[in-house]
């Protein structure tokens, strides 16, 4: 006996459809540039997310150990300003926008990305080391990839170009050191 199914559930429909293709990199670059221009025009700021992590760190440390923040000039200013600043709102908007885009493109899933030959624990260690090094470098350079690299270069600041050169050279060196994990 053959039975026909005339109704499919939302989960079945989603499972049958492949995810949308990624954007063409040239189109994405133009959109990123236009969005950066709009950000300069409407807010007076460029991109930058490192300040949000500094603010969050200052607020978290201030909640646990206020005396540690009070004696630290850099964190004290971030603590006094709190979480209501443009970089925090930018990060919240990036999170929401990325979530919506991944859901609409059918690409949202929980996974731990990284080198294909590395186990999950090694991927987490590499992510922690890489994130810590990037955060430390961003603080030392007084800007992150988006803040100093993109926004700085857009304003033709020599520091923006120097940062991007260093960032790409570091990526090439680390990529060569870990290429065996990707085969």
N, C-alpha and C. Protein backbone atom coordinates (compact mmCIF):
# COMPACT_ATOMS: atom_id res chain seq x y z
N UNK A 1 0.84 -1.17 0.00
CA UNK A 1 0.00 0.00 0.00
C UNK A 1 0.89 1.24 0.00
N UNK A 2 0.59 2.18 -0.87
CA UNK A 2 1.36 3.41 -1.00
C UNK A 2 0.53 4.54 -0.42
N UNK A 3 1.16 5.30 0.46
CA UNK A 3 0.47 6.48 1.00
C UNK A 3 1.20 7.72 0.52
N UNK A 4 0.42 8.71 0.22
CA UNK A 4 1.00 9.97 -0.24
C UNK A 4 0.88 11.01 0.86
N UNK A 5 1.92 11.80 0.96
CA UNK A 5 1.93 12.85 1.96
C UNK A 5 1.72 14.18 1.24
N UNK A 6 0.67 14.88 1.62
CA UNK A 6 0.34 16.14 0.95
C UNK A 6 0.77 17.37 1.75
N UNK A 7 1.24 17.16 2.95
CA UNK A 7 1.60 18.28 3.81
C UNK A 7 3.01 18.04 4.34
N UNK A 8 3.86 19.08 4.23
CA UNK A 8 5.20 18.98 4.81
C UNK A 8 5.32 20.00 5.94
N UNK A 9 6.06 19.63 6.94
CA UNK A 9 6.26 20.54 8.07
C UNK A 9 7.34 21.56 7.71
N UNK A 10 7.42 22.63 8.51
CA UNK A 10 8.43 23.66 8.30
C UNK A 10 9.83 23.07 8.41
N UNK A 11 10.04 22.16 9.37
CA UNK A 11 11.35 21.54 9.55
C UNK A 11 11.75 20.73 8.31
N UNK A 12 10.80 20.01 7.73
CA UNK A 12 11.09 19.22 6.54
C UNK A 12 11.41 20.11 5.35
N UNK A 13 10.68 21.22 5.22
CA UNK A 13 10.91 22.15 4.12
C UNK A 13 12.29 22.78 4.26
N UNK A 14 12.66 23.19 5.48
CA UNK A 14 13.97 23.78 5.71
C UNK A 14 15.08 22.78 5.44
N UNK A 15 14.87 21.52 5.84
CA UNK A 15 15.89 20.49 5.65
C UNK A 15 16.09 20.16 4.17
N UNK A 16 15.03 20.32 3.36
CA UNK A 16 15.14 20.00 1.94
C UNK A 16 15.84 21.10 1.15
N UNK A 17 15.80 22.34 1.63
CA UNK A 17 16.38 23.46 0.90
C UNK A 17 17.85 23.63 1.29
N UNK A 18 18.73 23.69 0.31
CA UNK A 18 20.13 23.93 0.64
C UNK A 18 20.31 25.37 1.10
N UNK A 19 21.36 25.65 1.87
CA UNK A 19 21.58 27.03 2.29
C UNK A 19 21.88 27.92 1.09
N UNK A 20 21.54 29.18 1.23
CA UNK A 20 21.83 30.13 0.16
C UNK A 20 23.33 30.26 -0.02
N UNK A 21 23.78 30.54 -1.24
CA UNK A 21 25.23 30.71 -1.45
C UNK A 21 25.73 31.96 -0.75
N UNK A 22 27.02 31.97 -0.45
CA UNK A 22 27.64 33.15 0.15
C UNK A 22 27.67 34.28 -0.87
N UNK A 23 27.77 35.50 -0.38
CA UNK A 23 27.83 36.66 -1.27
C UNK A 23 29.12 36.64 -2.07
N UNK A 24 29.07 37.22 -3.24
CA UNK A 24 30.27 37.47 -4.02
C UNK A 24 31.14 38.43 -3.21
N UNK A 25 32.44 38.15 -3.10
CA UNK A 25 33.31 38.95 -2.24
C UNK A 25 33.41 40.41 -2.71
N UNK A 26 33.32 40.65 -4.01
CA UNK A 26 33.37 42.03 -4.50
C UNK A 26 32.11 42.80 -4.09
N UNK A 27 30.96 42.15 -4.20
CA UNK A 27 29.70 42.78 -3.80
C UNK A 27 29.72 43.05 -2.30
N UNK A 28 30.18 42.07 -1.53
CA UNK A 28 30.25 42.24 -0.07
C UNK A 28 31.19 43.38 0.29
N UNK A 29 32.31 43.51 -0.41
CA UNK A 29 33.26 44.60 -0.15
C UNK A 29 32.66 45.96 -0.43
N UNK A 30 31.92 46.07 -1.52
CA UNK A 30 31.26 47.34 -1.85
C UNK A 30 30.20 47.68 -0.79
N UNK A 31 29.41 46.69 -0.39
CA UNK A 31 28.39 46.92 0.64
C UNK A 31 29.05 47.34 1.97
N UNK A 32 30.15 46.66 2.33
CA UNK A 32 30.88 47.02 3.54
C UNK A 32 31.39 48.45 3.47
N UNK A 33 31.94 48.83 2.34
CA UNK A 33 32.44 50.20 2.16
C UNK A 33 31.34 51.24 2.23
N UNK A 34 30.21 50.96 1.60
CA UNK A 34 29.08 51.90 1.65
C UNK A 34 28.51 52.01 3.07
N UNK A 35 28.47 50.89 3.77
CA UNK A 35 28.00 50.92 5.16
C UNK A 35 28.96 51.72 6.03
N UNK A 36 30.26 51.58 5.79
CA UNK A 36 31.25 52.37 6.54
C UNK A 36 31.09 53.85 6.25
N UNK A 37 30.88 54.19 4.99
CA UNK A 37 30.64 55.59 4.62
C UNK A 37 29.39 56.13 5.33
N UNK A 38 28.32 55.35 5.33
CA UNK A 38 27.09 55.77 6.00
C UNK A 38 27.32 55.94 7.50
N UNK A 39 28.13 55.05 8.08
CA UNK A 39 28.43 55.15 9.51
C UNK A 39 29.17 56.44 9.82
N UNK A 40 30.15 56.80 8.97
CA UNK A 40 30.86 58.07 9.16
C UNK A 40 29.90 59.26 9.05
N UNK A 41 29.03 59.21 8.05
CA UNK A 41 28.12 60.34 7.80
C UNK A 41 27.11 60.51 8.93
N UNK A 42 26.47 59.41 9.36
CA UNK A 42 25.36 59.51 10.30
C UNK A 42 25.77 59.52 11.77
N UNK A 43 26.93 58.94 12.10
CA UNK A 43 27.31 58.88 13.52
C UNK A 43 28.57 59.66 13.84
N UNK A 44 29.36 59.96 12.81
CA UNK A 44 30.62 60.63 13.06
C UNK A 44 31.72 59.66 13.49
N UNK A 45 31.40 58.38 13.54
CA UNK A 45 32.36 57.34 13.92
C UNK A 45 32.51 56.37 12.76
N UNK A 46 33.61 55.65 12.76
CA UNK A 46 33.77 54.54 11.84
C UNK A 46 33.37 53.26 12.55
N UNK A 47 33.85 52.14 12.05
CA UNK A 47 33.61 50.87 12.72
C UNK A 47 34.59 50.74 13.88
N UNK A 48 34.30 49.82 14.77
CA UNK A 48 35.19 49.53 15.88
C UNK A 48 34.44 48.78 16.96
N UNK A 49 34.98 47.67 17.38
CA UNK A 49 34.28 46.86 18.39
C UNK A 49 35.10 46.62 19.65
N UNK A 50 36.39 46.93 19.62
CA UNK A 50 37.22 46.64 20.77
C UNK A 50 36.79 47.43 22.00
N UNK A 51 36.32 48.63 21.80
CA UNK A 51 35.85 49.43 22.92
C UNK A 51 34.69 48.79 23.67
N UNK A 52 33.88 48.01 22.96
CA UNK A 52 32.75 47.33 23.61
C UNK A 52 33.25 46.29 24.61
N UNK A 53 34.28 45.55 24.22
CA UNK A 53 34.81 44.54 25.15
C UNK A 53 35.50 45.21 26.33
N UNK A 54 36.13 46.35 26.09
CA UNK A 54 36.75 47.09 27.19
C UNK A 54 35.68 47.59 28.16
N UNK A 55 34.59 48.13 27.61
CA UNK A 55 33.49 48.60 28.47
C UNK A 55 32.88 47.46 29.26
N UNK A 56 32.65 46.33 28.60
CA UNK A 56 32.05 45.17 29.28
C UNK A 56 32.99 44.66 30.37
N UNK A 57 34.29 44.62 30.09
CA UNK A 57 35.26 44.18 31.09
C UNK A 57 35.27 45.13 32.28
N UNK A 58 35.29 46.42 32.02
CA UNK A 58 35.32 47.41 33.10
C UNK A 58 34.07 47.31 33.97
N UNK A 59 32.90 47.15 33.35
CA UNK A 59 31.66 47.05 34.10
C UNK A 59 31.63 45.76 34.92
N UNK A 60 32.08 44.64 34.32
CA UNK A 60 32.09 43.36 35.04
C UNK A 60 33.07 43.40 36.21
N UNK A 61 34.28 43.91 35.99
CA UNK A 61 35.26 43.99 37.08
C UNK A 61 34.78 44.98 38.14
N UNK A 62 34.20 46.08 37.72
CA UNK A 62 33.68 47.06 38.67
C UNK A 62 32.57 46.51 39.54
N UNK A 63 31.78 45.59 39.01
CA UNK A 63 30.71 44.97 39.80
C UNK A 63 31.27 44.02 40.85
N UNK A 64 32.39 43.36 40.52
CA UNK A 64 32.98 42.39 41.43
C UNK A 64 33.99 43.04 42.38
N UNK A 65 34.85 43.89 41.83
CA UNK A 65 35.91 44.51 42.62
C UNK A 65 36.03 45.99 42.26
N UNK A 66 35.15 46.82 42.80
CA UNK A 66 35.16 48.24 42.44
C UNK A 66 36.48 48.95 42.72
N UNK A 67 37.20 48.52 43.75
CA UNK A 67 38.47 49.18 44.07
C UNK A 67 39.52 48.94 42.98
N UNK A 68 39.46 47.80 42.31
CA UNK A 68 40.41 47.52 41.24
C UNK A 68 40.19 48.45 40.06
N UNK A 69 38.95 48.78 39.78
CA UNK A 69 38.64 49.68 38.67
C UNK A 69 38.91 51.13 39.07
N UNK A 70 38.63 51.47 40.32
CA UNK A 70 38.82 52.84 40.78
C UNK A 70 40.28 53.27 40.68
N UNK A 71 41.20 52.34 40.89
CA UNK A 71 42.63 52.66 40.86
C UNK A 71 43.24 52.56 39.47
N UNK A 72 42.46 52.16 38.49
CA UNK A 72 42.98 51.96 37.13
C UNK A 72 42.40 53.04 36.24
N UNK A 73 43.25 53.97 35.80
CA UNK A 73 42.76 55.13 35.06
C UNK A 73 41.99 54.75 33.80
N UNK A 74 42.53 53.81 33.02
CA UNK A 74 41.90 53.43 31.74
C UNK A 74 40.55 52.74 31.98
N UNK A 75 40.53 51.73 32.85
CA UNK A 75 39.28 51.01 33.10
C UNK A 75 38.27 51.86 33.87
N UNK A 76 38.76 52.79 34.71
CA UNK A 76 37.84 53.63 35.49
C UNK A 76 36.98 54.49 34.57
N UNK A 77 37.59 55.05 33.53
CA UNK A 77 36.83 55.87 32.58
C UNK A 77 35.79 55.01 31.87
N UNK A 78 36.18 53.81 31.44
CA UNK A 78 35.23 52.91 30.77
C UNK A 78 34.12 52.48 31.73
N UNK A 79 34.48 52.28 33.00
CA UNK A 79 33.48 51.89 34.01
C UNK A 79 32.49 53.03 34.25
N UNK A 80 33.00 54.23 34.36
CA UNK A 80 32.12 55.40 34.59
C UNK A 80 31.17 55.61 33.41
N UNK A 81 31.65 55.39 32.18
CA UNK A 81 30.81 55.56 31.00
C UNK A 81 29.78 54.44 30.87
N UNK A 82 30.08 53.27 31.42
CA UNK A 82 29.15 52.15 31.39
C UNK A 82 28.99 51.54 30.01
N UNK A 83 27.89 50.83 29.84
CA UNK A 83 27.65 50.11 28.59
C UNK A 83 26.87 50.92 27.56
N UNK A 84 26.47 52.12 27.92
CA UNK A 84 25.68 52.93 27.00
C UNK A 84 26.59 53.81 26.15
N UNK A 85 27.35 53.16 25.24
CA UNK A 85 28.17 53.92 24.29
C UNK A 85 28.02 53.30 22.92
N UNK A 86 28.47 54.00 21.91
CA UNK A 86 28.20 53.58 20.53
C UNK A 86 28.83 52.26 20.18
N UNK A 87 30.00 51.92 20.73
CA UNK A 87 30.62 50.64 20.37
C UNK A 87 29.83 49.46 20.90
N UNK A 88 29.27 49.61 22.10
CA UNK A 88 28.46 48.51 22.65
C UNK A 88 27.21 48.32 21.79
N UNK A 89 26.56 49.41 21.42
CA UNK A 89 25.37 49.30 20.58
C UNK A 89 25.70 48.75 19.20
N UNK A 90 26.88 49.09 18.69
CA UNK A 90 27.32 48.55 17.40
C UNK A 90 27.47 47.03 17.49
N UNK A 91 28.08 46.54 18.56
CA UNK A 91 28.26 45.10 18.73
C UNK A 91 26.91 44.40 18.88
N UNK A 92 25.99 45.00 19.63
CA UNK A 92 24.65 44.42 19.76
C UNK A 92 23.98 44.36 18.39
N UNK A 93 24.10 45.42 17.60
CA UNK A 93 23.53 45.44 16.25
C UNK A 93 24.18 44.41 15.34
N UNK A 94 25.51 44.25 15.44
CA UNK A 94 26.21 43.24 14.64
C UNK A 94 25.71 41.84 14.98
N UNK A 95 25.53 41.59 16.27
CA UNK A 95 25.05 40.27 16.69
C UNK A 95 23.65 40.00 16.14
N UNK A 96 22.77 40.95 16.31
CA UNK A 96 21.39 40.78 15.83
C UNK A 96 21.36 40.65 14.31
N UNK A 97 22.09 41.50 13.62
CA UNK A 97 22.13 41.44 12.15
C UNK A 97 22.69 40.13 11.64
N UNK A 98 23.78 39.66 12.25
CA UNK A 98 24.38 38.39 11.84
C UNK A 98 23.44 37.22 12.11
N UNK A 99 22.74 37.26 13.23
CA UNK A 99 21.79 36.20 13.55
C UNK A 99 20.66 36.17 12.53
N UNK A 100 20.09 37.32 12.23
CA UNK A 100 19.00 37.39 11.25
C UNK A 100 19.49 36.93 9.88
N UNK A 101 20.66 37.41 9.45
CA UNK A 101 21.19 37.03 8.13
C UNK A 101 21.45 35.53 8.04
N UNK A 102 22.01 34.94 9.10
CA UNK A 102 22.28 33.50 9.05
C UNK A 102 20.99 32.69 9.05
N UNK A 103 19.97 33.15 9.75
CA UNK A 103 18.69 32.45 9.75
C UNK A 103 18.02 32.54 8.37
N UNK A 104 18.04 33.74 7.78
CA UNK A 104 17.42 33.92 6.47
C UNK A 104 18.15 33.14 5.38
N UNK A 105 19.46 33.00 5.51
CA UNK A 105 20.25 32.27 4.50
C UNK A 105 20.25 30.77 4.75
N UNK A 106 19.64 30.33 5.85
CA UNK A 106 19.62 28.91 6.17
C UNK A 106 20.99 28.38 6.58
N UNK A 107 21.82 29.23 7.15
CA UNK A 107 23.18 28.84 7.51
C UNK A 107 23.42 28.84 9.02
N UNK A 108 22.40 29.07 9.82
CA UNK A 108 22.59 29.12 11.27
C UNK A 108 22.74 27.71 11.82
N UNK A 109 23.79 27.49 12.57
CA UNK A 109 23.97 26.24 13.31
C UNK A 109 25.05 26.44 14.35
N UNK A 110 24.94 25.67 15.41
CA UNK A 110 25.95 25.70 16.46
C UNK A 110 27.04 24.72 16.08
N UNK A 111 28.26 25.22 15.98
CA UNK A 111 29.38 24.34 15.69
C UNK A 111 30.66 25.02 16.12
N UNK A 112 31.70 24.24 16.25
CA UNK A 112 33.02 24.77 16.57
C UNK A 112 33.86 24.63 15.32
N UNK A 113 34.08 25.75 14.65
CA UNK A 113 34.88 25.75 13.43
C UNK A 113 36.35 25.74 13.78
N UNK A 114 37.13 25.47 12.79
CA UNK A 114 38.57 25.49 12.97
C UNK A 114 39.23 24.49 12.05
N UNK A 115 40.49 24.22 12.29
CA UNK A 115 41.22 23.29 11.44
C UNK A 115 40.55 21.92 11.38
N UNK A 116 40.43 21.40 10.19
CA UNK A 116 39.70 20.13 9.99
C UNK A 116 40.40 18.94 10.63
N UNK A 117 41.71 19.00 10.80
CA UNK A 117 42.44 17.89 11.39
C UNK A 117 42.60 18.02 12.90
N UNK A 118 42.14 19.09 13.47
CA UNK A 118 42.26 19.30 14.92
C UNK A 118 40.99 18.83 15.63
N UNK A 119 41.18 18.26 16.80
CA UNK A 119 40.03 17.86 17.61
C UNK A 119 39.39 19.09 18.22
N UNK A 120 38.19 18.91 18.76
CA UNK A 120 37.44 20.04 19.29
C UNK A 120 38.22 20.79 20.37
N UNK A 121 38.89 20.07 21.26
CA UNK A 121 39.65 20.74 22.32
C UNK A 121 40.77 21.60 21.74
N UNK A 122 41.44 21.11 20.71
CA UNK A 122 42.50 21.90 20.06
C UNK A 122 41.91 23.11 19.36
N UNK A 123 40.75 22.97 18.76
CA UNK A 123 40.10 24.11 18.11
C UNK A 123 39.77 25.19 19.14
N UNK A 124 39.29 24.78 20.30
CA UNK A 124 38.97 25.74 21.36
C UNK A 124 40.22 26.43 21.88
N UNK A 125 41.31 25.67 22.03
CA UNK A 125 42.57 26.26 22.48
C UNK A 125 43.08 27.27 21.45
N UNK A 126 43.05 26.89 20.17
CA UNK A 126 43.48 27.81 19.12
C UNK A 126 42.62 29.07 19.09
N UNK A 127 41.32 28.91 19.29
CA UNK A 127 40.43 30.07 19.31
C UNK A 127 40.74 30.98 20.50
N UNK A 128 41.00 30.39 21.65
CA UNK A 128 41.33 31.17 22.83
C UNK A 128 42.65 31.90 22.66
N UNK A 129 43.66 31.21 22.17
CA UNK A 129 44.97 31.84 21.96
C UNK A 129 44.87 32.93 20.89
N UNK A 130 44.21 32.63 19.77
CA UNK A 130 44.07 33.61 18.71
C UNK A 130 43.26 34.82 19.14
N UNK A 131 42.18 34.59 19.86
CA UNK A 131 41.35 35.70 20.33
C UNK A 131 42.08 36.57 21.34
N UNK A 132 42.82 35.93 22.24
CA UNK A 132 43.59 36.67 23.23
C UNK A 132 44.68 37.50 22.54
N UNK A 133 45.40 36.88 21.61
CA UNK A 133 46.45 37.60 20.89
C UNK A 133 45.86 38.76 20.09
N UNK A 134 44.72 38.54 19.43
CA UNK A 134 44.08 39.61 18.65
C UNK A 134 43.62 40.75 19.56
N UNK A 135 43.02 40.40 20.69
CA UNK A 135 42.57 41.42 21.63
C UNK A 135 43.72 42.22 22.20
N UNK A 136 44.80 41.52 22.58
CA UNK A 136 45.98 42.20 23.11
C UNK A 136 46.59 43.11 22.05
N UNK A 137 46.69 42.60 20.83
CA UNK A 137 47.24 43.41 19.73
C UNK A 137 46.38 44.62 19.44
N UNK A 138 45.07 44.45 19.50
CA UNK A 138 44.16 45.56 19.24
C UNK A 138 44.31 46.65 20.30
N UNK A 139 44.49 46.25 21.54
CA UNK A 139 44.69 47.24 22.60
C UNK A 139 46.04 47.93 22.45
N UNK A 140 47.06 47.17 22.08
CA UNK A 140 48.40 47.77 21.90
C UNK A 140 48.39 48.74 20.71
N UNK A 141 47.67 48.39 19.65
CA UNK A 141 47.62 49.23 18.45
C UNK A 141 46.60 50.36 18.57
N UNK A 142 45.85 50.36 19.66
CA UNK A 142 44.78 51.34 19.90
C UNK A 142 43.68 51.24 18.86
N UNK A 143 43.40 50.01 18.43
CA UNK A 143 42.30 49.79 17.49
C UNK A 143 42.30 48.37 16.98
N UNK A 144 41.14 47.91 16.58
CA UNK A 144 40.99 46.55 16.09
C UNK A 144 40.99 46.55 14.55
N UNK A 145 40.75 45.40 13.99
CA UNK A 145 40.76 45.28 12.53
C UNK A 145 39.74 46.20 11.89
N UNK A 146 38.55 46.27 12.47
CA UNK A 146 37.54 47.14 11.89
C UNK A 146 37.79 48.61 12.23
N UNK A 147 38.15 48.88 13.47
CA UNK A 147 38.35 50.27 13.88
C UNK A 147 39.59 50.90 13.30
N UNK A 148 40.72 50.25 13.45
CA UNK A 148 41.97 50.82 12.96
C UNK A 148 42.21 50.44 11.50
N UNK A 149 41.93 49.18 11.17
CA UNK A 149 42.19 48.72 9.80
C UNK A 149 41.25 49.33 8.79
N UNK A 150 39.96 49.07 8.92
CA UNK A 150 38.99 49.57 7.93
C UNK A 150 38.75 51.07 8.06
N UNK A 151 38.38 51.51 9.25
CA UNK A 151 38.06 52.94 9.42
C UNK A 151 39.31 53.80 9.28
N UNK A 152 40.44 53.33 9.82
CA UNK A 152 41.67 54.10 9.68
C UNK A 152 42.13 54.21 8.24
N UNK A 153 42.07 53.10 7.52
CA UNK A 153 42.46 53.13 6.11
C UNK A 153 41.50 53.98 5.28
N UNK A 154 40.22 53.96 5.62
CA UNK A 154 39.24 54.75 4.89
C UNK A 154 39.51 56.25 5.02
N UNK A 155 40.11 56.63 6.15
CA UNK A 155 40.45 58.05 6.34
C UNK A 155 41.89 58.33 5.92
N UNK A 156 42.52 57.34 5.26
CA UNK A 156 43.89 57.42 4.75
C UNK A 156 44.93 57.63 5.86
N UNK A 157 44.64 57.10 7.06
CA UNK A 157 45.60 57.18 8.16
C UNK A 157 46.70 56.15 7.94
N UNK A 158 47.94 56.57 8.07
CA UNK A 158 49.07 55.66 7.88
C UNK A 158 49.00 54.50 8.86
N UNK A 159 48.53 54.76 10.09
CA UNK A 159 48.43 53.70 11.09
C UNK A 159 47.46 52.60 10.66
N UNK A 160 46.41 52.96 9.94
CA UNK A 160 45.46 51.96 9.45
C UNK A 160 46.10 51.03 8.44
N UNK A 161 46.85 51.59 7.52
CA UNK A 161 47.53 50.76 6.52
C UNK A 161 48.62 49.91 7.16
N UNK A 162 49.36 50.49 8.09
CA UNK A 162 50.41 49.74 8.78
C UNK A 162 49.81 48.59 9.58
N UNK A 163 48.68 48.85 10.23
CA UNK A 163 47.99 47.79 10.98
C UNK A 163 47.56 46.65 10.05
N UNK A 164 46.96 47.00 8.91
CA UNK A 164 46.50 45.96 7.99
C UNK A 164 47.66 45.14 7.44
N UNK A 165 48.77 45.79 7.14
CA UNK A 165 49.94 45.05 6.67
C UNK A 165 50.41 44.06 7.73
N UNK A 166 50.52 44.54 8.97
CA UNK A 166 50.92 43.65 10.07
C UNK A 166 49.93 42.54 10.31
N UNK A 167 48.65 42.85 10.19
CA UNK A 167 47.60 41.86 10.40
C UNK A 167 47.68 40.74 9.36
N UNK A 168 47.85 41.13 8.09
CA UNK A 168 47.93 40.12 7.03
C UNK A 168 49.23 39.32 7.11
N UNK A 169 50.33 39.97 7.43
CA UNK A 169 51.60 39.24 7.57
C UNK A 169 51.50 38.24 8.71
N UNK A 170 50.92 38.65 9.83
CA UNK A 170 50.74 37.73 10.96
C UNK A 170 49.84 36.56 10.57
N UNK A 171 48.78 36.84 9.82
CA UNK A 171 47.88 35.78 9.37
C UNK A 171 48.58 34.79 8.46
N UNK A 172 49.43 35.29 7.57
CA UNK A 172 50.18 34.41 6.67
C UNK A 172 51.15 33.54 7.46
N UNK A 173 51.86 34.13 8.41
CA UNK A 173 52.83 33.37 9.21
C UNK A 173 52.11 32.30 10.03
N UNK A 174 51.04 32.68 10.72
CA UNK A 174 50.31 31.70 11.54
C UNK A 174 49.65 30.65 10.66
N UNK A 175 49.16 31.06 9.50
CA UNK A 175 48.57 30.09 8.56
C UNK A 175 49.59 29.05 8.12
N UNK A 176 50.81 29.50 7.86
CA UNK A 176 51.87 28.56 7.46
C UNK A 176 52.23 27.62 8.61
N UNK A 177 52.24 28.15 9.83
CA UNK A 177 52.58 27.32 10.99
C UNK A 177 51.52 26.27 11.28
N UNK A 178 50.27 26.55 10.94
CA UNK A 178 49.18 25.62 11.26
C UNK A 178 48.57 24.94 10.04
N UNK A 179 49.20 25.08 8.88
CA UNK A 179 48.58 24.53 7.67
C UNK A 179 48.42 23.02 7.71
N UNK A 180 49.24 22.32 8.46
CA UNK A 180 49.09 20.88 8.58
C UNK A 180 47.79 20.46 9.25
N UNK A 181 47.23 21.34 10.05
CA UNK A 181 45.96 21.05 10.74
C UNK A 181 44.76 21.18 9.81
N UNK A 182 44.96 21.78 8.63
CA UNK A 182 43.85 22.02 7.72
C UNK A 182 43.75 21.03 6.57
N UNK A 183 44.70 20.12 6.47
CA UNK A 183 44.70 19.16 5.34
C UNK A 183 43.73 18.04 5.54
